[in-house]
All heavy atoms as atom14 arrays in JSON, in Angstrom:
{
  "sequence": "LGEYLGQDPRLLSFTRGKLGKPNLASHENFHFSFSRSRNWVALAISET",
  "atom14_mask": [
    [1, 1, 1, 1, 1, 1, 1, 1, 0, 0, 0, 0, 0, 0],
    [1, 1, 1, 1, 0, 0, 0, 0, 0, 0, 0, 0, 0, 0],
    [1, 1, 1, 1, 1, 1, 1, 1, 1, 0, 0, 0, 0, 0],
    [1, 1, 1, 1, 1, 1, 1, 1, 1, 1, 1, 1, 0, 0],
    [1, 1, 1, 1, 1, 1, 1, 1, 0, 0, 0, 0, 0, 0],
    [1, 1, 1, 1, 0, 0, 0, 0, 0, 0, 0, 0, 0, 0],
    [1, 1, 1, 1, 1, 1, 1, 1, 1, 0, 0, 0, 0, 0],
    [1, 1, 1, 1, 1, 1, 1, 1, 0, 0, 0, 0, 0, 0],
    [1, 1, 1, 1, 1, 1, 1, 0, 0, 0, 0, 0, 0, 0],
    [1, 1, 1, 1, 1, 1, 1, 1, 1, 1, 1, 0, 0, 0],
    [1, 1, 1, 1, 1, 1, 1, 1, 0, 0, 0, 0, 0, 0],
    [1, 1, 1, 1, 1, 1, 1, 1, 0, 0, 0, 0, 0, 0],
    [1, 1, 1, 1, 1, 1, 0, 0, 0, 0, 0, 0, 0, 0],
    [1, 1, 1, 1, 1, 1, 1, 1, 1, 1, 1, 0, 0, 0],
    [1, 1, 1, 1, 1, 1, 1, 0, 0, 0, 0, 0, 0, 0],
    [1, 1, 1, 1, 1, 1, 1, 1, 1, 1, 1, 0, 0, 0],
    [1, 1, 1, 1, 0, 0, 0, 0, 0, 0, 0, 0, 0, 0],
    [1, 1, 1, 1, 1, 1, 1, 1, 1, 0, 0, 0, 0, 0],
    [1, 1, 1, 1, 1, 1, 1, 1, 0, 0, 0, 0, 0, 0],
    [1, 1, 1, 1, 0, 0, 0, 0, 0, 0, 0, 0, 0, 0],
    [1, 1, 1, 1, 1, 1, 1, 1, 1, 0, 0, 0, 0, 0],
    [1, 1, 1, 1, 1, 1, 1, 0, 0, 0, 0, 0, 0, 0],
    [1, 1, 1, 1, 1, 1, 1, 1, 0, 0, 0, 0, 0, 0],
    [1, 1, 1, 1, 1, 1, 1, 1, 0, 0, 0, 0, 0, 0],
    [1, 1, 1, 1, 1, 0, 0, 0, 0, 0, 0, 0, 0, 0],
    [1, 1, 1, 1, 1, 1, 0, 0, 0, 0, 0, 0, 0, 0],
    [1, 1, 1, 1, 1, 1, 1, 1, 1, 1, 0, 0, 0, 0],
    [1, 1, 1, 1, 1, 1, 1, 1, 1, 0, 0, 0, 0, 0],
    [1, 1, 1, 1, 1, 1, 1, 1, 0, 0, 0, 0, 0, 0],
    [1, 1, 1, 1, 1, 1, 1, 1, 1, 1, 1, 0, 0, 0],
    [1, 1, 1, 1, 1, 1, 1, 1, 1, 1, 0, 0, 0, 0],
    [1, 1, 1, 1, 1, 1, 1, 1, 1, 1, 1, 0, 0, 0],
    [1, 1, 1, 1, 1, 1, 0, 0, 0, 0, 0, 0, 0, 0],
    [1, 1, 1, 1, 1, 1, 1, 1, 1, 1, 1, 0, 0, 0],
    [1, 1, 1, 1, 1, 1, 0, 0, 0, 0, 0, 0, 0, 0],
    [1, 1, 1, 1, 1, 1, 1, 1, 1, 1, 1, 0, 0, 0],
    [1, 1, 1, 1, 1, 1, 0, 0, 0, 0, 0, 0, 0, 0],
    [1, 1, 1, 1, 1, 1, 1, 1, 1, 1, 1, 0, 0, 0],
    [1, 1, 1, 1, 1, 1, 1, 1, 0, 0, 0, 0, 0, 0],
    [1, 1, 1, 1, 1, 1, 1, 1, 1, 1, 1, 1, 1, 1],
    [1, 1, 1, 1, 1, 1, 1, 0, 0, 0, 0, 0, 0, 0],
    [1, 1, 1, 1, 1, 0, 0, 0, 0, 0, 0, 0, 0, 0],
    [1, 1, 1, 1, 1, 1, 1, 1, 0, 0, 0, 0, 0, 0],
    [1, 1, 1, 1, 1, 0, 0, 0, 0, 0, 0, 0, 0, 0],
    [1, 1, 1, 1, 1, 1, 1, 1, 0, 0, 0, 0, 0, 0],
    [1, 1, 1, 1, 1, 1, 0, 0, 0, 0, 0, 0, 0, 0],
    [1, 1, 1, 1, 1, 1, 1, 1, 1, 0, 0, 0, 0, 0],
    [1, 1, 1, 1, 1, 1, 1, 0, 0, 0, 0, 0, 0, 0]
  ],
  "atom14_positions": [
    [[59.52, -13.59, 10.69], [59.61, -12.14, 10.99], [61.07, -11.76, 11.22], [61.51, -10.68, 10.77], [58.75, -11.82, 12.21], [57.23, -11.91, 12.01], [56.51, -11.65, 13.31], [56.77, -10.92, 10.95], [0.0, 0.0, 0.0], [0.0, 0.0, 0.0], [0.0, 0.0, 0.0], [0.0, 0.0, 0.0], [0.0, 0.0, 0.0], [0.0, 0.0, 0.0]],
    [[61.82, -12.59, 11.95], [63.2, -12.29, 12.21], [64.01, -12.24, 10.92], [64.85, -11.34, 10.74], [0.0, 0.0, 0.0], [0.0, 0.0, 0.0], [0.0, 0.0, 0.0], [0.0, 0.0, 0.0], [0.0, 0.0, 0.0], [0.0, 0.0, 0.0], [0.0, 0.0, 0.0], [0.0, 0.0, 0.0], [0.0, 0.0, 0.0], [0.0, 0.0, 0.0]],
    [[63.81, -13.18, 10.04], [64.49, -13.18, 8.73], [64.15, -11.94, 7.91], [65.05, -11.3, 7.35], [64.13, -14.42, 7.94], [64.71, -15.7, 8.47], [64.19, -16.94, 7.76], [63.21, -16.81, 7.0], [64.78, -18.02, 7.94], [0.0, 0.0, 0.0], [0.0, 0.0, 0.0], [0.0, 0.0, 0.0], [0.0, 0.0, 0.0], [0.0, 0.0, 0.0]],
    [[62.88, -11.58, 7.92], [62.45, -10.41, 7.11], [63.05, -9.12, 7.66], [63.48, -8.25, 6.9], [60.93, -10.33, 7.1], [60.4, -9.21, 6.25], [60.18, -9.41, 4.9], [60.15, -7.94, 6.79], [59.71, -8.39, 4.09], [59.68, -6.92, 5.98], [59.47, -7.13, 4.64], [59.02, -6.11, 3.86], [0.0, 0.0, 0.0], [0.0, 0.0, 0.0]],
    [[63.06, -9.0, 8.99], [63.53, -7.77, 9.62], [65.04, -7.74, 9.9], [65.58, -6.73, 10.31], [62.78, -7.53, 10.93], [61.26, -7.31, 10.78], [60.59, -7.41, 12.16], [61.0, -5.96, 10.16], [0.0, 0.0, 0.0], [0.0, 0.0, 0.0], [0.0, 0.0, 0.0], [0.0, 0.0, 0.0], [0.0, 0.0, 0.0], [0.0, 0.0, 0.0]],
    [[65.67, -8.89, 9.73], [67.12, -8.99, 10.03], [67.4, -8.88, 11.51], [68.4, -8.29, 11.93], [0.0, 0.0, 0.0], [0.0, 0.0, 0.0], [0.0, 0.0, 0.0], [0.0, 0.0, 0.0], [0.0, 0.0, 0.0], [0.0, 0.0, 0.0], [0.0, 0.0, 0.0], [0.0, 0.0, 0.0], [0.0, 0.0, 0.0], [0.0, 0.0, 0.0]],
    [[66.52, -9.5, 12.33], [66.65, -9.42, 13.79], [66.63, -10.81, 14.4], [66.12, -11.77, 13.78], [65.56, -8.56, 14.41], [65.63, -7.1, 13.97], [64.61, -6.27, 14.71], [63.9, -6.74, 15.59], [64.52, -4.99, 14.37], [0.0, 0.0, 0.0], [0.0, 0.0, 0.0], [0.0, 0.0, 0.0], [0.0, 0.0, 0.0], [0.0, 0.0, 0.0]],
    [[67.15, -10.91, 15.61], [67.1, -12.18, 16.33], [65.64, -12.49, 16.65], [64.95, -11.68, 17.32], [67.9, -12.05, 17.64], [67.97, -13.35, 18.44], [67.1, -14.23, 18.24], [68.91, -13.5, 19.23], [0.0, 0.0, 0.0], [0.0, 0.0, 0.0], [0.0, 0.0, 0.0], [0.0, 0.0, 0.0], [0.0, 0.0, 0.0], [0.0, 0.0, 0.0]],
    [[65.09, -13.6, 16.19], [63.67, -13.9, 16.42], [63.29, -13.92, 17.89], [62.15, -13.55, 18.25], [63.51, -15.31, 15.82], [64.59, -15.43, 14.81], [65.76, -14.65, 15.39], [0.0, 0.0, 0.0], [0.0, 0.0, 0.0], [0.0, 0.0, 0.0], [0.0, 0.0, 0.0], [0.0, 0.0, 0.0], [0.0, 0.0, 0.0], [0.0, 0.0, 0.0]],
    [[64.2, -14.31, 18.78], [63.87, -14.39, 20.2], [63.68, -13.04, 20.85], [63.09, -12.94, 21.92], [64.96, -15.16, 20.93], [65.06, -16.63, 20.53], [66.33, -17.26, 21.06], [67.53, -16.65, 20.44], [68.76, -17.03, 20.69], [69.0, -18.01, 21.54], [69.79, -16.43, 20.1], [0.0, 0.0, 0.0], [0.0, 0.0, 0.0], [0.0, 0.0, 0.0]],
    [[64.23, -11.98, 20.19], [64.16, -10.64, 20.78], [62.93, -9.85, 20.31], [62.71, -8.74, 20.79], [65.42, -9.87, 20.46], [66.75, -10.5, 20.98], [67.93, -9.63, 20.62], [66.66, -10.72, 22.47], [0.0, 0.0, 0.0], [0.0, 0.0, 0.0], [0.0, 0.0, 0.0], [0.0, 0.0, 0.0], [0.0, 0.0, 0.0], [0.0, 0.0, 0.0]],
    [[62.16, -10.42, 19.4], [60.96, -9.73, 18.93], [59.93, -9.67, 20.05], [59.68, -10.67, 20.73], [60.37, -10.42, 17.72], [61.24, -10.45, 16.46], [60.6, -11.31, 15.38], [61.5, -9.04, 15.94], [0.0, 0.0, 0.0], [0.0, 0.0, 0.0], [0.0, 0.0, 0.0], [0.0, 0.0, 0.0], [0.0, 0.0, 0.0], [0.0, 0.0, 0.0]],
    [[59.34, -8.5, 20.25], [58.37, -8.33, 21.32], [57.0, -8.02, 20.73], [56.88, -7.06, 19.88], [58.81, -7.18, 22.26], [57.84, -6.97, 23.27], [0.0, 0.0, 0.0], [0.0, 0.0, 0.0], [0.0, 0.0, 0.0], [0.0, 0.0, 0.0], [0.0, 0.0, 0.0], [0.0, 0.0, 0.0], [0.0, 0.0, 0.0], [0.0, 0.0, 0.0]],
    [[55.97, -8.77, 21.11], [54.63, -8.58, 20.55], [53.75, -7.82, 21.54], [53.83, -8.0, 22.75], [53.99, -9.95, 20.25], [54.7, -10.73, 19.19], [55.62, -11.72, 19.53], [54.49, -10.48, 17.85], [56.29, -12.45, 18.56], [55.13, -11.21, 16.86], [56.04, -12.2, 17.21], [0.0, 0.0, 0.0], [0.0, 0.0, 0.0], [0.0, 0.0, 0.0]],
    [[52.89, -6.97, 20.99], [51.86, -6.28, 21.76], [50.53, -6.55, 21.08], [50.46, -7.12, 20.01], [52.11, -4.77, 21.81], [52.07, -4.23, 20.49], [53.46, -4.47, 22.45], [0.0, 0.0, 0.0], [0.0, 0.0, 0.0], [0.0, 0.0, 0.0], [0.0, 0.0, 0.0], [0.0, 0.0, 0.0], [0.0, 0.0, 0.0], [0.0, 0.0, 0.0]],
    [[49.46, -6.12, 21.72], [48.11, -6.28, 21.11], [47.38, -4.96, 21.19], [47.48, -4.18, 22.16], [47.31, -7.37, 21.84], [47.86, -8.79, 21.57], [46.91, -9.82, 22.1], [47.37, -11.16, 21.76], [47.11, -11.8, 20.63], [46.37, -11.21, 19.72], [47.57, -13.01, 20.43], [0.0, 0.0, 0.0], [0.0, 0.0, 0.0], [0.0, 0.0, 0.0]],
    [[46.59, -4.69, 20.14], [45.76, -3.52, 20.1], [44.57, -3.65, 21.02], [44.39, -4.66, 21.71], [0.0, 0.0, 0.0], [0.0, 0.0, 0.0], [0.0, 0.0, 0.0], [0.0, 0.0, 0.0], [0.0, 0.0, 0.0], [0.0, 0.0, 0.0], [0.0, 0.0, 0.0], [0.0, 0.0, 0.0], [0.0, 0.0, 0.0], [0.0, 0.0, 0.0]],
    [[43.7, -2.64, 21.03], [42.54, -2.64, 21.93], [41.63, -3.85, 21.73], [41.03, -4.36, 22.67], [41.73, -1.36, 21.74], [42.46, -0.11, 22.18], [41.6, 1.12, 21.96], [42.33, 2.38, 22.43], [41.51, 3.6, 22.18], [0.0, 0.0, 0.0], [0.0, 0.0, 0.0], [0.0, 0.0, 0.0], [0.0, 0.0, 0.0], [0.0, 0.0, 0.0]],
    [[41.55, -4.32, 20.48], [40.68, -5.46, 20.18], [41.46, -6.75, 19.99], [40.95, -7.74, 19.48], [39.83, -5.17, 18.94], [38.86, -3.99, 19.12], [38.21, -3.66, 17.79], [37.79, -4.31, 20.14], [0.0, 0.0, 0.0], [0.0, 0.0, 0.0], [0.0, 0.0, 0.0], [0.0, 0.0, 0.0], [0.0, 0.0, 0.0], [0.0, 0.0, 0.0]],
    [[42.72, -6.77, 20.41], [43.5, -7.98, 20.42], [44.37, -8.24, 19.19], [44.99, -9.28, 19.11], [0.0, 0.0, 0.0], [0.0, 0.0, 0.0], [0.0, 0.0, 0.0], [0.0, 0.0, 0.0], [0.0, 0.0, 0.0], [0.0, 0.0, 0.0], [0.0, 0.0, 0.0], [0.0, 0.0, 0.0], [0.0, 0.0, 0.0], [0.0, 0.0, 0.0]],
    [[44.39, -7.31, 18.25], [45.2, -7.53, 17.06], [46.69, -7.44, 17.41], [47.13, -6.45, 18.02], [44.87, -6.5, 15.98], [45.57, -6.76, 14.64], [45.06, -5.84, 13.57], [45.71, -6.19, 12.22], [45.24, -5.33, 11.13], [0.0, 0.0, 0.0], [0.0, 0.0, 0.0], [0.0, 0.0, 0.0], [0.0, 0.0, 0.0], [0.0, 0.0, 0.0]],
    [[47.49, -8.46, 17.05], [48.93, -8.44, 17.41], [49.74, -7.45, 16.59], [49.48, -7.25, 15.42], [49.37, -9.88, 17.16], [48.42, -10.38, 16.13], [47.09, -9.71, 16.38], [0.0, 0.0, 0.0], [0.0, 0.0, 0.0], [0.0, 0.0, 0.0], [0.0, 0.0, 0.0], [0.0, 0.0, 0.0], [0.0, 0.0, 0.0], [0.0, 0.0, 0.0]],
    [[50.74, -6.86, 17.24], [51.67, -5.93, 16.6], [53.06, -6.21, 17.14], [53.25, -6.88, 18.14], [51.29, -4.48, 16.88], [49.88, -4.14, 16.47], [49.56, -4.1, 15.29], [49.02, -3.9, 17.45], [0.0, 0.0, 0.0], [0.0, 0.0, 0.0], [0.0, 0.0, 0.0], [0.0, 0.0, 0.0], [0.0, 0.0, 0.0], [0.0, 0.0, 0.0]],
    [[54.06, -5.65, 16.42], [55.42, -5.72, 16.92], [55.71, -4.43, 17.69], [55.52, -3.32, 17.15], [56.43, -5.87, 15.76], [56.57, -7.28, 15.2], [57.5, -7.26, 14.01], [57.12, -8.23, 16.28], [0.0, 0.0, 0.0], [0.0, 0.0, 0.0], [0.0, 0.0, 0.0], [0.0, 0.0, 0.0], [0.0, 0.0, 0.0], [0.0, 0.0, 0.0]],
    [[56.18, -4.55, 18.92], [56.35, -3.38, 19.78], [57.36, -2.4, 19.21], [57.23, -1.18, 19.35], [56.77, -3.83, 21.16], [0.0, 0.0, 0.0], [0.0, 0.0, 0.0], [0.0, 0.0, 0.0], [0.0, 0.0, 0.0], [0.0, 0.0, 0.0], [0.0, 0.0, 0.0], [0.0, 0.0, 0.0], [0.0, 0.0, 0.0], [0.0, 0.0, 0.0]],
    [[58.39, -2.9, 18.55], [59.5, -2.04, 18.07], [59.32, -1.55, 16.65], [60.2, -0.86, 16.12], [60.81, -2.8, 18.2], [60.74, -4.01, 17.45], [0.0, 0.0, 0.0], [0.0, 0.0, 0.0], [0.0, 0.0, 0.0], [0.0, 0.0, 0.0], [0.0, 0.0, 0.0], [0.0, 0.0, 0.0], [0.0, 0.0, 0.0], [0.0, 0.0, 0.0]],
    [[58.19, -1.87, 16.01], [57.97, -1.47, 14.62], [56.55, -0.93, 14.48], [55.62, -1.68, 14.13], [58.22, -2.66, 13.68], [59.61, -3.16, 13.66], [60.15, -3.9, 14.67], [60.61, -2.98, 12.75], [61.4, -4.19, 14.39], [61.71, -3.65, 13.22], [0.0, 0.0, 0.0], [0.0, 0.0, 0.0], [0.0, 0.0, 0.0], [0.0, 0.0, 0.0]],
    [[56.4, 0.37, 14.7], [55.09, 0.98, 14.79], [54.29, 0.84, 13.49], [53.09, 0.62, 13.5], [55.24, 2.45, 15.18], [53.9, 3.17, 15.35], [54.08, 4.6, 15.81], [55.22, 4.97, 16.12], [53.08, 5.35, 15.83], [0.0, 0.0, 0.0], [0.0, 0.0, 0.0], [0.0, 0.0, 0.0], [0.0, 0.0, 0.0], [0.0, 0.0, 0.0]],
    [[54.96, 1.01, 12.36], [54.25, 1.03, 11.05], [54.41, -0.29, 10.3], [54.2, -0.33, 9.08], [54.76, 2.18, 10.22], [54.47, 3.52, 10.84], [53.35, 3.75, 11.31], [55.4, 4.43, 10.82], [0.0, 0.0, 0.0], [0.0, 0.0, 0.0], [0.0, 0.0, 0.0], [0.0, 0.0, 0.0], [0.0, 0.0, 0.0], [0.0, 0.0, 0.0]],
    [[54.76, -1.34, 11.0], [54.93, -2.64, 10.38], [53.67, -3.48, 10.63], [53.2, -3.59, 11.77], [56.15, -3.34, 11.0], [56.46, -4.68, 10.4], [57.2, -4.8, 9.26], [56.01, -5.84, 11.03], [57.5, -6.04, 8.71], [56.31, -7.09, 10.51], [57.04, -7.18, 9.35], [0.0, 0.0, 0.0], [0.0, 0.0, 0.0], [0.0, 0.0, 0.0]],
    [[53.11, -4.01, 9.57], [51.85, -4.76, 9.69], [52.07, -6.22, 9.31], [52.72, -6.51, 8.3], [50.79, -4.17, 8.78], [50.56, -2.7, 8.99], [49.72, -2.22, 9.97], [51.1, -1.6, 8.37], [49.71, -0.88, 9.92], [50.54, -0.5, 9.0], [0.0, 0.0, 0.0], [0.0, 0.0, 0.0], [0.0, 0.0, 0.0], [0.0, 0.0, 0.0]],
    [[51.5, -7.11, 10.12], [51.56, -8.51, 9.76], [50.33, -9.23, 10.26], [49.62, -8.74, 11.16], [52.81, -9.2, 10.35], [52.74, -9.46, 11.82], [52.3, -10.7, 12.32], [53.08, -8.48, 12.76], [52.23, -10.94, 13.67], [53.0, -8.7, 14.12], [52.58, -9.95, 14.59], [0.0, 0.0, 0.0], [0.0, 0.0, 0.0], [0.0, 0.0, 0.0]],
    [[50.05, -10.37, 9.67], [48.92, -11.21, 10.12], [49.35, -12.67, 9.99], [49.97, -13.06, 9.0], [47.7, -10.92, 9.28], [46.59, -11.73, 9.72], [0.0, 0.0, 0.0], [0.0, 0.0, 0.0], [0.0, 0.0, 0.0], [0.0, 0.0, 0.0], [0.0, 0.0, 0.0], [0.0, 0.0, 0.0], [0.0, 0.0, 0.0], [0.0, 0.0, 0.0]],
    [[49.01, -13.45, 11.0], [49.45, -14.86, 11.07], [48.22, -15.73, 11.26], [47.28, -15.37, 11.98], [50.43, -15.03, 12.22], [50.74, -16.45, 12.55], [51.56, -17.22, 11.71], [50.28, -17.06, 13.72], [51.87, -18.53, 12.0], [50.58, -18.37, 14.01], [51.39, -19.11, 13.16], [0.0, 0.0, 0.0], [0.0, 0.0, 0.0], [0.0, 0.0, 0.0]],
    [[48.26, -16.9, 10.65], [47.19, -17.87, 10.82], [47.76, -19.29, 10.83], [48.76, -19.56, 10.14], [46.16, -17.73, 9.66], [45.11, -18.69, 9.82], [0.0, 0.0, 0.0], [0.0, 0.0, 0.0], [0.0, 0.0, 0.0], [0.0, 0.0, 0.0], [0.0, 0.0, 0.0], [0.0, 0.0, 0.0], [0.0, 0.0, 0.0], [0.0, 0.0, 0.0]],
    [[47.13, -20.15, 11.63], [47.55, -21.54, 11.66], [46.3, -22.43, 11.67], [45.33, -22.17, 12.36], [48.39, -21.84, 12.89], [48.87, -23.28, 12.98], [49.63, -23.53, 14.27], [48.83, -23.33, 15.46], [47.95, -24.19, 15.92], [47.75, -25.35, 15.34], [47.26, -23.92, 17.02], [0.0, 0.0, 0.0], [0.0, 0.0, 0.0], [0.0, 0.0, 0.0]],
    [[46.35, -23.48, 10.9], [45.28, -24.47, 10.9], [45.94, -25.84, 10.91], [46.51, -26.29, 9.91], [44.39, -24.34, 9.66], [43.37, -25.34, 9.64], [0.0, 0.0, 0.0], [0.0, 0.0, 0.0], [0.0, 0.0, 0.0], [0.0, 0.0, 0.0], [0.0, 0.0, 0.0], [0.0, 0.0, 0.0], [0.0, 0.0, 0.0], [0.0, 0.0, 0.0]],
    [[45.91, -26.48, 12.08], [46.6, -27.75, 12.27], [48.09, -27.6, 11.88], [48.81, -26.84, 12.48], [45.88, -28.85, 11.53], [44.45, -29.08, 12.04], [43.76, -30.25, 11.39], [42.44, -30.42, 11.99], [41.58, -31.37, 11.6], [41.92, -32.2, 10.65], [40.39, -31.45, 12.18], [0.0, 0.0, 0.0], [0.0, 0.0, 0.0], [0.0, 0.0, 0.0]],
    [[48.51, -28.29, 10.82], [49.92, -28.24, 10.47], [50.25, -27.25, 9.36], [51.35, -27.29, 8.8], [50.45, -29.63, 10.07], [49.7, -30.21, 8.9], [48.58, -29.82, 8.61], [50.32, -31.16, 8.2], [0.0, 0.0, 0.0], [0.0, 0.0, 0.0], [0.0, 0.0, 0.0], [0.0, 0.0, 0.0], [0.0, 0.0, 0.0], [0.0, 0.0, 0.0]],
    [[49.29, -26.39, 9.0], [49.51, -25.37, 7.99], [49.62, -23.99, 8.65], [48.86, -23.68, 9.59], [48.37, -25.36, 6.99], [48.39, -26.54, 6.08], [47.66, -27.68, 6.18], [49.21, -26.7, 4.91], [47.97, -28.56, 5.18], [48.92, -27.98, 4.37], [50.17, -25.91, 4.27], [49.54, -28.49, 3.25], [50.8, -26.4, 3.14], [50.5, -27.68, 2.64]],
    [[50.56, -23.16, 8.18], [50.73, -21.82, 8.7], [50.78, -20.85, 7.53], [51.2, -21.18, 6.41], [52.03, -21.69, 9.53], [51.86, -22.33, 10.88], [53.22, -22.29, 8.78], [0.0, 0.0, 0.0], [0.0, 0.0, 0.0], [0.0, 0.0, 0.0], [0.0, 0.0, 0.0], [0.0, 0.0, 0.0], [0.0, 0.0, 0.0], [0.0, 0.0, 0.0]],
    [[50.36, -19.6, 7.81], [50.35, -18.56, 6.76], [50.72, -17.22, 7.42], [50.33, -16.96, 8.56], [48.98, -18.47, 6.12], [0.0, 0.0, 0.0], [0.0, 0.0, 0.0], [0.0, 0.0, 0.0], [0.0, 0.0, 0.0], [0.0, 0.0, 0.0], [0.0, 0.0, 0.0], [0.0, 0.0, 0.0], [0.0, 0.0, 0.0], [0.0, 0.0, 0.0]],
    [[51.42, -16.41, 6.67], [51.85, -15.09, 7.16], [51.8, -14.08, 6.05], [52.26, -14.34, 4.93], [53.29, -15.19, 7.69], [53.96, -13.89, 8.11], [53.28, -13.26, 9.32], [55.46, -14.12, 8.41], [0.0, 0.0, 0.0], [0.0, 0.0, 0.0], [0.0, 0.0, 0.0], [0.0, 0.0, 0.0], [0.0, 0.0, 0.0], [0.0, 0.0, 0.0]],
    [[51.22, -12.92, 6.32], [51.22, -11.8, 5.4], [51.92, -10.61, 6.04], [51.74, -10.35, 7.24], [49.78, -11.4, 5.03], [0.0, 0.0, 0.0], [0.0, 0.0, 0.0], [0.0, 0.0, 0.0], [0.0, 0.0, 0.0], [0.0, 0.0, 0.0], [0.0, 0.0, 0.0], [0.0, 0.0, 0.0], [0.0, 0.0, 0.0], [0.0, 0.0, 0.0]],
    [[52.72, -9.88, 5.26], [53.47, -8.75, 5.75], [53.27, -7.54, 4.86], [53.27, -7.66, 3.63], [54.99, -9.08, 5.82], [55.29, -10.03, 6.96], [55.83, -7.81, 5.98], [56.75, -10.49, 7.01], [0.0, 0.0, 0.0], [0.0, 0.0, 0.0], [0.0, 0.0, 0.0], [0.0, 0.0, 0.0], [0.0, 0.0, 0.0], [0.0, 0.0, 0.0]],
    [[53.08, -6.38, 5.45], [53.02, -5.12, 4.72], [53.64, -4.02, 5.56], [53.5, -4.0, 6.76], [51.57, -4.75, 4.39], [51.53, -3.47, 3.8], [0.0, 0.0, 0.0], [0.0, 0.0, 0.0], [0.0, 0.0, 0.0], [0.0, 0.0, 0.0], [0.0, 0.0, 0.0], [0.0, 0.0, 0.0], [0.0, 0.0, 0.0], [0.0, 0.0, 0.0]],
    [[54.38, -3.14, 4.89], [54.97, -1.97, 5.57], [54.18, -0.71, 5.33], [54.59, 0.36, 5.75], [56.43, -1.81, 5.11], [57.3, -2.98, 5.49], [58.76, -2.78, 5.11], [59.16, -1.62, 4.95], [59.51, -3.76, 4.99], [0.0, 0.0, 0.0], [0.0, 0.0, 0.0], [0.0, 0.0, 0.0], [0.0, 0.0, 0.0], [0.0, 0.0, 0.0]],
    [[53.01, -0.84, 4.64], [52.26, 0.36, 4.3], [50.79, 0.3, 4.71], [50.15, 1.35, 4.8], [52.33, 0.6, 2.78], [51.81, -0.56, 2.12], [53.76, 0.87, 2.33], [0.0, 0.0, 0.0], [0.0, 0.0, 0.0], [0.0, 0.0, 0.0], [0.0, 0.0, 0.0], [0.0, 0.0, 0.0], [0.0, 0.0, 0.0], [0.0, 0.0, 0.0]]
  ]
}
């Protein structure tokens, strides 16, 4: 996320919606989804 947004990864702040979906506090219209299964990780990003 830091590489994509050009920001320091440590300064990214996460929030959660009413049902627990994670969001980035400083990017209202930025959408992402993350998944991990043991040693595999996956990330999807959309700005729309």
